[in-house]
Amino acid sequence: MSDGVNLLLAMGSDSAPRDLLLENGWQVENSLDITQTLDTYRDFNFNSNAEFSVAKHGYVTSRSGWFSERSINYMAAGRPVIVQDTGFSYWLPTGEGVLAFTTVEEAVECLERVYRNGALHRRAAREIAVSYFCSDTVLKDLLDSIFCSDSSKTKDQANDTARAA
């Protein structure tokens, strides 16, 4: 991997192999310090170049499409995410801004791609966050699915029902 790629692991566990991680070039910080307040968490995201994350085994093997709200926070801040694919690549655009991997080799390639062309990936991450996760889009689709699921209702009737609620 490129010498310029620095990886920081935020962790709170005292039993984690901190010395081994440091010996292998990782930076390590206490996750409690980073998440102490909304401001420290926001600042950590904004000061990061990207998020790198490995998913829980159950999400990966089930191919459930799970996608982390933490990743969405990074994307909303204009930071790309490099995340293990849980099946989300079936419904979420990947390749720019959201980089999915299934192997260690793919993860390294994704890290290097973001390192080489950060501006492209930052812009794409923000665009995907707005297009797929903005409350205007998500809430509208959710309300439409709830109130328009009955094909006998028109959208106007559904909107009247939603306003009354």
N, C-alpha and C. Protein backbone atom coordinates (compact mmCIF):
# COMPACT_ATOMS: atom_id res chain seq x y z
N MET A 1 0.85 -1.18 0.00
CA MET A 1 0.00 0.00 0.00
C MET A 1 0.89 1.23 0.00
N SER A 2 0.34 2.33 -0.48
CA SER A 2 1.10 3.59 -0.54
C SER A 2 1.58 4.00 0.84
N ASP A 3 2.79 4.53 0.88
CA ASP A 3 3.34 4.99 2.16
C ASP A 3 2.53 6.14 2.74
N GLY A 4 1.80 6.90 1.90
CA GLY A 4 1.06 8.06 2.36
C GLY A 4 -0.27 7.74 3.01
N VAL A 5 -0.71 6.49 2.98
CA VAL A 5 -1.99 6.13 3.57
C VAL A 5 -1.79 5.82 5.04
N ASN A 6 -2.38 6.67 5.90
CA ASN A 6 -2.31 6.46 7.34
C ASN A 6 -3.66 5.96 7.82
N LEU A 7 -3.63 4.92 8.63
CA LEU A 7 -4.86 4.35 9.15
C LEU A 7 -4.93 4.57 10.65
N LEU A 8 -6.05 5.10 11.10
CA LEU A 8 -6.27 5.34 12.52
C LEU A 8 -7.43 4.48 12.97
N LEU A 9 -7.24 3.76 14.02
CA LEU A 9 -8.28 2.91 14.58
C LEU A 9 -8.74 3.51 15.90
N ALA A 10 -10.01 3.85 15.97
CA ALA A 10 -10.59 4.33 17.22
C ALA A 10 -11.19 3.13 17.92
N MET A 11 -10.71 2.84 19.11
CA MET A 11 -11.22 1.67 19.83
C MET A 11 -11.26 1.94 21.32
N GLY A 12 -12.19 1.30 21.98
CA GLY A 12 -12.37 1.50 23.40
C GLY A 12 -11.99 0.31 24.24
N SER A 13 -11.65 -0.78 23.61
CA SER A 13 -11.37 -2.01 24.34
C SER A 13 -9.95 -2.04 24.88
N ASP A 14 -9.83 -2.36 26.14
CA ASP A 14 -8.50 -2.51 26.74
C ASP A 14 -7.83 -3.82 26.31
N SER A 15 -8.63 -4.78 25.84
CA SER A 15 -8.07 -6.08 25.47
C SER A 15 -7.62 -6.14 24.01
N ALA A 16 -7.84 -5.08 23.24
CA ALA A 16 -7.43 -5.07 21.83
C ALA A 16 -5.90 -5.08 21.73
N PRO A 17 -5.37 -5.64 20.67
CA PRO A 17 -3.90 -5.74 20.52
C PRO A 17 -3.28 -4.41 20.09
N ARG A 18 -3.35 -3.44 20.97
CA ARG A 18 -2.88 -2.07 20.67
C ARG A 18 -1.41 -2.06 20.22
N ASP A 19 -0.54 -2.76 20.92
CA ASP A 19 0.88 -2.76 20.57
C ASP A 19 1.11 -3.36 19.19
N LEU A 20 0.41 -4.43 18.87
CA LEU A 20 0.54 -5.07 17.56
C LEU A 20 0.09 -4.12 16.45
N LEU A 21 -1.00 -3.42 16.69
CA LEU A 21 -1.49 -2.45 15.70
C LEU A 21 -0.47 -1.33 15.48
N LEU A 22 0.08 -0.80 16.56
CA LEU A 22 1.08 0.26 16.45
C LEU A 22 2.33 -0.22 15.72
N GLU A 23 2.76 -1.44 16.02
CA GLU A 23 3.94 -2.02 15.35
C GLU A 23 3.72 -2.17 13.85
N ASN A 24 2.47 -2.32 13.44
CA ASN A 24 2.16 -2.52 12.02
C ASN A 24 1.67 -1.25 11.33
N GLY A 25 1.98 -0.11 11.93
CA GLY A 25 1.75 1.15 11.26
C GLY A 25 0.41 1.82 11.49
N TRP A 26 -0.44 1.25 12.31
CA TRP A 26 -1.72 1.87 12.61
C TRP A 26 -1.53 2.96 13.65
N GLN A 27 -2.35 3.98 13.56
CA GLN A 27 -2.48 4.94 14.64
C GLN A 27 -3.68 4.48 15.47
N VAL A 28 -3.63 4.66 16.76
CA VAL A 28 -4.71 4.19 17.63
C VAL A 28 -5.13 5.33 18.55
N GLU A 29 -6.43 5.55 18.63
CA GLU A 29 -6.99 6.54 19.55
C GLU A 29 -8.11 5.91 20.35
N ASN A 30 -8.37 6.49 21.48
CA ASN A 30 -9.46 6.03 22.33
C ASN A 30 -10.79 6.51 21.75
N SER A 31 -11.68 5.57 21.46
CA SER A 31 -12.96 5.93 20.84
C SER A 31 -13.82 6.78 21.77
N LEU A 32 -13.64 6.65 23.07
CA LEU A 32 -14.42 7.45 24.01
C LEU A 32 -14.08 8.93 23.91
N ASP A 33 -12.80 9.24 23.63
CA ASP A 33 -12.40 10.63 23.44
C ASP A 33 -13.05 11.22 22.19
N ILE A 34 -13.11 10.43 21.14
CA ILE A 34 -13.66 10.89 19.86
C ILE A 34 -15.16 11.09 19.94
N THR A 35 -15.83 10.25 20.68
CA THR A 35 -17.31 10.29 20.73
C THR A 35 -17.85 10.96 21.98
N GLN A 36 -17.01 11.65 22.70
CA GLN A 36 -17.42 12.26 23.97
C GLN A 36 -18.56 13.25 23.79
N THR A 37 -18.51 14.06 22.73
CA THR A 37 -19.58 15.03 22.47
C THR A 37 -19.90 15.00 20.98
N LEU A 38 -21.01 15.60 20.61
CA LEU A 38 -21.34 15.72 19.19
C LEU A 38 -20.26 16.49 18.44
N ASP A 39 -19.71 17.52 19.07
CA ASP A 39 -18.67 18.32 18.43
C ASP A 39 -17.39 17.51 18.17
N THR A 40 -16.96 16.70 19.15
CA THR A 40 -15.73 15.93 18.95
C THR A 40 -15.94 14.86 17.88
N TYR A 41 -17.13 14.28 17.84
CA TYR A 41 -17.43 13.27 16.82
C TYR A 41 -17.48 13.91 15.43
N ARG A 42 -18.16 15.05 15.32
CA ARG A 42 -18.25 15.76 14.04
C ARG A 42 -16.85 16.17 13.58
N ASP A 43 -16.05 16.72 14.48
CA ASP A 43 -14.70 17.15 14.13
C ASP A 43 -13.84 15.98 13.67
N PHE A 44 -13.98 14.84 14.33
CA PHE A 44 -13.23 13.65 13.92
C PHE A 44 -13.59 13.28 12.49
N ASN A 45 -14.89 13.25 12.17
CA ASN A 45 -15.33 12.91 10.81
C ASN A 45 -14.78 13.91 9.79
N PHE A 46 -14.93 15.20 10.09
CA PHE A 46 -14.48 16.23 9.15
C PHE A 46 -12.97 16.23 8.96
N ASN A 47 -12.22 15.84 9.99
CA ASN A 47 -10.77 15.82 9.89
C ASN A 47 -10.22 14.51 9.32
N SER A 48 -11.11 13.55 9.07
CA SER A 48 -10.71 12.29 8.45
C SER A 48 -10.68 12.45 6.93
N ASN A 49 -9.84 11.68 6.29
CA ASN A 49 -9.85 11.66 4.82
C ASN A 49 -10.95 10.75 4.30
N ALA A 50 -11.26 9.71 5.07
CA ALA A 50 -12.26 8.73 4.66
C ALA A 50 -12.57 7.83 5.85
N GLU A 51 -13.63 7.05 5.70
CA GLU A 51 -13.91 6.00 6.67
C GLU A 51 -13.49 4.67 6.06
N PHE A 52 -12.86 3.84 6.87
CA PHE A 52 -12.55 2.46 6.49
C PHE A 52 -13.20 1.57 7.53
N SER A 53 -14.02 0.62 7.08
CA SER A 53 -14.75 -0.19 8.05
C SER A 53 -14.94 -1.62 7.55
N VAL A 54 -14.78 -2.54 8.49
CA VAL A 54 -15.07 -3.95 8.25
C VAL A 54 -16.40 -4.24 8.95
N ALA A 55 -17.30 -4.91 8.26
CA ALA A 55 -18.63 -5.20 8.80
C ALA A 55 -18.62 -6.46 9.67
N LYS A 56 -19.62 -6.57 10.51
CA LYS A 56 -19.79 -7.78 11.31
C LYS A 56 -20.06 -8.96 10.37
N HIS A 57 -19.56 -10.10 10.75
CA HIS A 57 -19.63 -11.30 9.92
C HIS A 57 -21.06 -11.64 9.48
N GLY A 58 -22.00 -11.51 10.39
CA GLY A 58 -23.39 -11.85 10.06
C GLY A 58 -23.96 -10.99 8.94
N TYR A 59 -23.59 -9.71 8.92
CA TYR A 59 -24.06 -8.81 7.86
C TYR A 59 -23.46 -9.21 6.52
N VAL A 60 -22.20 -9.64 6.55
CA VAL A 60 -21.51 -10.00 5.31
C VAL A 60 -22.07 -11.30 4.75
N THR A 61 -22.18 -12.32 5.58
CA THR A 61 -22.62 -13.63 5.08
C THR A 61 -24.09 -13.64 4.69
N SER A 62 -24.90 -12.84 5.36
CA SER A 62 -26.33 -12.82 5.02
C SER A 62 -26.61 -12.00 3.77
N ARG A 63 -25.64 -11.14 3.37
CA ARG A 63 -25.83 -10.25 2.22
C ARG A 63 -27.10 -9.43 2.41
N SER A 64 -27.29 -8.95 3.63
CA SER A 64 -28.53 -8.26 4.02
C SER A 64 -28.66 -6.86 3.42
N GLY A 65 -27.56 -6.31 2.93
CA GLY A 65 -27.60 -4.95 2.40
C GLY A 65 -27.41 -3.90 3.47
N TRP A 66 -27.08 -4.34 4.70
CA TRP A 66 -26.89 -3.41 5.81
C TRP A 66 -25.85 -2.36 5.45
N PHE A 67 -26.12 -1.11 5.87
CA PHE A 67 -25.20 0.01 5.64
C PHE A 67 -25.23 0.87 6.90
N SER A 68 -24.09 1.24 7.39
CA SER A 68 -23.97 1.91 8.69
C SER A 68 -24.37 3.38 8.65
N GLU A 69 -25.06 3.81 9.69
CA GLU A 69 -25.36 5.24 9.82
C GLU A 69 -24.07 6.04 10.02
N ARG A 70 -23.05 5.43 10.57
CA ARG A 70 -21.75 6.10 10.70
C ARG A 70 -21.20 6.42 9.32
N SER A 71 -21.32 5.49 8.39
CA SER A 71 -20.87 5.74 7.02
C SER A 71 -21.64 6.90 6.40
N ILE A 72 -22.92 6.96 6.68
CA ILE A 72 -23.74 8.06 6.16
C ILE A 72 -23.27 9.39 6.74
N ASN A 73 -22.90 9.40 8.01
CA ASN A 73 -22.36 10.63 8.62
C ASN A 73 -21.09 11.08 7.90
N TYR A 74 -20.20 10.15 7.63
CA TYR A 74 -18.99 10.49 6.88
C TYR A 74 -19.34 11.06 5.51
N MET A 75 -20.24 10.39 4.81
CA MET A 75 -20.61 10.83 3.46
C MET A 75 -21.25 12.22 3.49
N ALA A 76 -22.10 12.46 4.47
CA ALA A 76 -22.73 13.78 4.59
C ALA A 76 -21.68 14.86 4.83
N ALA A 77 -20.57 14.49 5.45
CA ALA A 77 -19.47 15.43 5.67
C ALA A 77 -18.56 15.52 4.44
N GLY A 78 -18.94 14.83 3.36
CA GLY A 78 -18.12 14.86 2.15
C GLY A 78 -16.89 13.99 2.26
N ARG A 79 -16.99 12.92 3.03
CA ARG A 79 -15.86 12.00 3.18
C ARG A 79 -16.25 10.65 2.58
N PRO A 80 -15.40 10.10 1.73
CA PRO A 80 -15.71 8.80 1.14
C PRO A 80 -15.66 7.70 2.19
N VAL A 81 -16.32 6.60 1.87
CA VAL A 81 -16.33 5.44 2.76
C VAL A 81 -15.82 4.22 2.00
N ILE A 82 -14.95 3.50 2.65
CA ILE A 82 -14.39 2.25 2.13
C ILE A 82 -14.88 1.18 3.09
N VAL A 83 -15.86 0.41 2.64
CA VAL A 83 -16.56 -0.48 3.57
C VAL A 83 -16.75 -1.87 2.97
N GLN A 84 -16.71 -2.85 3.85
CA GLN A 84 -16.92 -4.23 3.43
C GLN A 84 -18.34 -4.38 2.92
N ASP A 85 -18.48 -5.00 1.77
CA ASP A 85 -19.79 -5.13 1.12
C ASP A 85 -20.66 -6.15 1.85
N THR A 86 -21.83 -5.70 2.25
CA THR A 86 -22.81 -6.56 2.91
C THR A 86 -24.01 -6.83 1.98
N GLY A 87 -23.86 -6.44 0.73
CA GLY A 87 -24.96 -6.52 -0.22
C GLY A 87 -25.52 -5.16 -0.57
N PHE A 88 -25.04 -4.11 0.08
CA PHE A 88 -25.53 -2.76 -0.21
C PHE A 88 -25.20 -2.32 -1.64
N SER A 89 -24.21 -2.98 -2.25
CA SER A 89 -23.84 -2.60 -3.62
C SER A 89 -24.94 -2.94 -4.62
N TYR A 90 -25.95 -3.68 -4.19
CA TYR A 90 -27.10 -3.96 -5.06
C TYR A 90 -28.04 -2.76 -5.14
N TRP A 91 -28.06 -1.92 -4.11
CA TRP A 91 -29.01 -0.79 -4.11
C TRP A 91 -28.34 0.58 -3.99
N LEU A 92 -27.05 0.61 -3.72
CA LEU A 92 -26.34 1.87 -3.54
C LEU A 92 -25.19 1.94 -4.54
N PRO A 93 -25.04 3.06 -5.25
CA PRO A 93 -23.94 3.16 -6.22
C PRO A 93 -22.59 3.04 -5.51
N THR A 94 -21.68 2.30 -6.11
CA THR A 94 -20.35 2.14 -5.55
C THR A 94 -19.31 2.42 -6.64
N GLY A 95 -18.11 2.65 -6.21
CA GLY A 95 -17.01 2.90 -7.13
C GLY A 95 -16.41 4.27 -6.95
N GLU A 96 -17.26 5.25 -6.69
CA GLU A 96 -16.80 6.61 -6.39
C GLU A 96 -17.59 7.10 -5.18
N GLY A 97 -16.91 7.51 -4.14
CA GLY A 97 -17.57 7.98 -2.93
C GLY A 97 -17.88 6.87 -1.95
N VAL A 98 -18.42 5.79 -2.46
CA VAL A 98 -18.67 4.57 -1.68
C VAL A 98 -17.89 3.47 -2.38
N LEU A 99 -16.88 2.95 -1.70
CA LEU A 99 -16.05 1.90 -2.29
C LEU A 99 -16.24 0.63 -1.47
N ALA A 100 -16.75 -0.39 -2.12
CA ALA A 100 -17.06 -1.66 -1.46
C ALA A 100 -15.94 -2.66 -1.72
N PHE A 101 -15.62 -3.44 -0.71
CA PHE A 101 -14.61 -4.49 -0.88
C PHE A 101 -15.10 -5.79 -0.27
N THR A 102 -14.56 -6.90 -0.80
CA THR A 102 -14.87 -8.22 -0.24
C THR A 102 -13.61 -8.98 0.16
N THR A 103 -12.46 -8.50 -0.31
CA THR A 103 -11.18 -9.15 0.02
C THR A 103 -10.20 -8.11 0.55
N VAL A 104 -9.15 -8.57 1.18
CA VAL A 104 -8.10 -7.68 1.67
C VAL A 104 -7.48 -6.93 0.50
N GLU A 105 -7.25 -7.61 -0.60
CA GLU A 105 -6.64 -6.98 -1.77
C GLU A 105 -7.53 -5.86 -2.31
N GLU A 106 -8.83 -6.10 -2.36
CA GLU A 106 -9.76 -5.06 -2.80
C GLU A 106 -9.76 -3.88 -1.83
N ALA A 107 -9.67 -4.15 -0.54
CA ALA A 107 -9.64 -3.07 0.45
C ALA A 107 -8.42 -2.19 0.24
N VAL A 108 -7.27 -2.79 0.01
CA VAL A 108 -6.04 -2.04 -0.23
C VAL A 108 -6.20 -1.20 -1.50
N GLU A 109 -6.76 -1.79 -2.55
CA GLU A 109 -6.97 -1.05 -3.80
C GLU A 109 -7.90 0.15 -3.57
N CYS A 110 -8.96 -0.05 -2.80
CA CYS A 110 -9.89 1.06 -2.50
C CYS A 110 -9.19 2.18 -1.74
N LEU A 111 -8.40 1.83 -0.74
CA LEU A 111 -7.65 2.83 0.01
C LEU A 111 -6.74 3.63 -0.91
N GLU A 112 -6.06 2.95 -1.79
CA GLU A 112 -5.15 3.63 -2.71
C GLU A 112 -5.90 4.52 -3.69
N ARG A 113 -7.07 4.08 -4.15
CA ARG A 113 -7.87 4.90 -5.07
C ARG A 113 -8.31 6.20 -4.40
N VAL A 114 -8.74 6.12 -3.17
CA VAL A 114 -9.15 7.33 -2.45
C VAL A 114 -7.94 8.23 -2.21
N TYR A 115 -6.81 7.64 -1.87
CA TYR A 115 -5.60 8.41 -1.64
C TYR A 115 -5.17 9.17 -2.90
N ARG A 116 -5.27 8.49 -4.05
CA ARG A 116 -4.85 9.11 -5.32
C ARG A 116 -5.82 10.17 -5.84
N ASN A 117 -7.11 10.03 -5.55
CA ASN A 117 -8.10 10.96 -6.12
C ASN A 117 -9.16 11.32 -5.09
N GLY A 118 -8.70 11.90 -4.00
CA GLY A 118 -9.58 12.23 -2.89
C GLY A 118 -10.70 13.18 -3.26
N ALA A 119 -10.42 14.19 -4.06
CA ALA A 119 -11.45 15.19 -4.40
C ALA A 119 -12.64 14.54 -5.11
N LEU A 120 -12.37 13.66 -6.05
CA LEU A 120 -13.44 12.96 -6.76
C LEU A 120 -14.31 12.16 -5.80
N HIS A 121 -13.68 11.43 -4.91
CA HIS A 121 -14.41 10.57 -3.98
C HIS A 121 -15.15 11.39 -2.92
N ARG A 122 -14.59 12.50 -2.48
CA ARG A 122 -15.29 13.36 -1.52
C ARG A 122 -16.58 13.92 -2.14
N ARG A 123 -16.47 14.42 -3.36
CA ARG A 123 -17.62 14.98 -4.06
C ARG A 123 -18.70 13.91 -4.27
N ALA A 124 -18.28 12.74 -4.72
CA ALA A 124 -19.23 11.65 -4.98
C ALA A 124 -19.91 11.19 -3.68
N ALA A 125 -19.16 11.12 -2.59
CA ALA A 125 -19.73 10.70 -1.31
C ALA A 125 -20.84 11.65 -0.88
N ARG A 126 -20.58 12.92 -0.97
CA ARG A 126 -21.59 13.92 -0.58
C ARG A 126 -22.83 13.82 -1.48
N GLU A 127 -22.62 13.66 -2.79
CA GLU A 127 -23.75 13.55 -3.72
C GLU A 127 -24.60 12.32 -3.43
N ILE A 128 -23.97 11.21 -3.13
CA ILE A 128 -24.72 9.99 -2.81
C ILE A 128 -25.47 10.17 -1.50
N ALA A 129 -24.84 10.79 -0.52
CA ALA A 129 -25.51 11.02 0.77
C ALA A 129 -26.78 11.84 0.57
N VAL A 130 -26.69 12.89 -0.22
CA VAL A 130 -27.86 13.75 -0.46
C VAL A 130 -28.91 13.00 -1.26
N SER A 131 -28.50 12.27 -2.28
CA SER A 131 -29.46 11.58 -3.16
C SER A 131 -30.18 10.42 -2.48
N TYR A 132 -29.47 9.70 -1.60
CA TYR A 132 -30.04 8.48 -1.03
C TYR A 132 -30.47 8.59 0.43
N PHE A 133 -29.91 9.53 1.17
CA PHE A 133 -30.15 9.54 2.61
C PHE A 133 -30.69 10.85 3.16
N CYS A 134 -30.87 11.85 2.32
CA CYS A 134 -31.41 13.12 2.77
C CYS A 134 -32.83 12.90 3.31
N SER A 135 -33.16 13.55 4.40
CA SER A 135 -34.47 13.34 5.02
C SER A 135 -35.62 13.66 4.07
N ASP A 136 -35.46 14.66 3.20
CA ASP A 136 -36.52 14.98 2.25
C ASP A 136 -36.86 13.78 1.37
N THR A 137 -35.84 13.07 0.93
CA THR A 137 -36.04 11.90 0.07
C THR A 137 -36.55 10.71 0.88
N VAL A 138 -35.87 10.41 1.98
CA VAL A 138 -36.19 9.22 2.77
C VAL A 138 -37.59 9.32 3.36
N LEU A 139 -37.91 10.45 3.97
CA LEU A 139 -39.23 10.59 4.59
C LEU A 139 -40.36 10.59 3.56
N LYS A 140 -40.15 11.22 2.43
CA LYS A 140 -41.17 11.23 1.38
C LYS A 140 -41.43 9.80 0.91
N ASP A 141 -40.37 9.05 0.63
CA ASP A 141 -40.53 7.67 0.17
C ASP A 141 -41.20 6.82 1.25
N LEU A 142 -40.82 7.02 2.51
CA LEU A 142 -41.41 6.26 3.60
C LEU A 142 -42.90 6.56 3.72
N LEU A 143 -43.25 7.83 3.73
CA LEU A 143 -44.66 8.21 3.84
C LEU A 143 -45.46 7.74 2.63
N ASP A 144 -44.87 7.84 1.44
CA ASP A 144 -45.56 7.33 0.25
C ASP A 144 -45.82 5.84 0.37
N SER A 145 -44.84 5.10 0.88
CA SER A 145 -45.03 3.65 0.98
C SER A 145 -46.08 3.29 2.03
N ILE A 146 -46.19 4.10 3.06
CA ILE A 146 -47.18 3.84 4.11
C ILE A 146 -48.58 4.23 3.64
N PHE A 147 -48.70 5.44 3.14
CA PHE A 147 -50.02 5.96 2.86
C PHE A 147 -50.51 5.68 1.44
N CYS A 148 -49.65 5.26 0.56
CA CYS A 148 -50.08 4.95 -0.81
C CYS A 148 -50.02 3.46 -1.09
N SER A 149 -49.85 2.66 -0.05
CA SER A 149 -49.78 1.22 -0.28
C SER A 149 -51.13 0.67 -0.72
N ASP A 150 -52.19 1.32 -0.34
CA ASP A 150 -53.53 0.93 -0.78
C ASP A 150 -53.76 1.58 -2.14
N SER A 151 -53.84 0.77 -3.17
CA SER A 151 -53.93 1.30 -4.53
C SER A 151 -55.20 2.11 -4.77
N SER A 152 -56.18 2.00 -3.86
CA SER A 152 -57.40 2.78 -4.05
C SER A 152 -57.21 4.22 -3.60
N LYS A 153 -56.13 4.51 -2.84
CA LYS A 153 -55.86 5.87 -2.40
C LYS A 153 -55.08 6.62 -3.47
N THR A 154 -55.42 7.85 -3.66
CA THR A 154 -54.63 8.69 -4.55
C THR A 154 -53.54 9.35 -3.72
N LYS A 155 -52.57 9.93 -4.39
CA LYS A 155 -51.51 10.63 -3.66
C LYS A 155 -52.07 11.80 -2.87
N ASP A 156 -53.08 12.49 -3.41
CA ASP A 156 -53.69 13.60 -2.69
C ASP A 156 -54.33 13.11 -1.40
N GLN A 157 -55.02 11.98 -1.45
CA GLN A 157 -55.62 11.42 -0.24
C GLN A 157 -54.54 11.03 0.77
N ALA A 158 -53.47 10.46 0.27
CA ALA A 158 -52.37 10.07 1.15
C ALA A 158 -51.74 11.29 1.78
N ASN A 159 -51.54 12.35 1.02
CA ASN A 159 -50.98 13.59 1.58
C ASN A 159 -51.90 14.19 2.62
N ASP A 160 -53.24 14.17 2.36
CA ASP A 160 -54.18 14.67 3.35
C ASP A 160 -54.11 13.86 4.63
N THR A 161 -53.97 12.55 4.50
CA THR A 161 -53.86 11.67 5.68
C THR A 161 -52.57 11.99 6.45
N ALA A 162 -51.48 12.19 5.71
CA ALA A 162 -50.18 12.48 6.35
C ALA A 162 -50.24 13.82 7.07
N ARG A 163 -50.88 14.83 6.47
CA ARG A 163 -50.97 16.15 7.10
C ARG A 163 -51.83 16.07 8.36
N ALA A 164 -52.84 15.24 8.35
CA ALA A 164 -53.73 15.12 9.50
C ALA A 164 -53.05 14.40 10.66
N ALA A 165 -52.06 13.59 10.36
CA ALA A 165 -51.40 12.79 11.39
C ALA A 165 -50.47 13.57 12.25
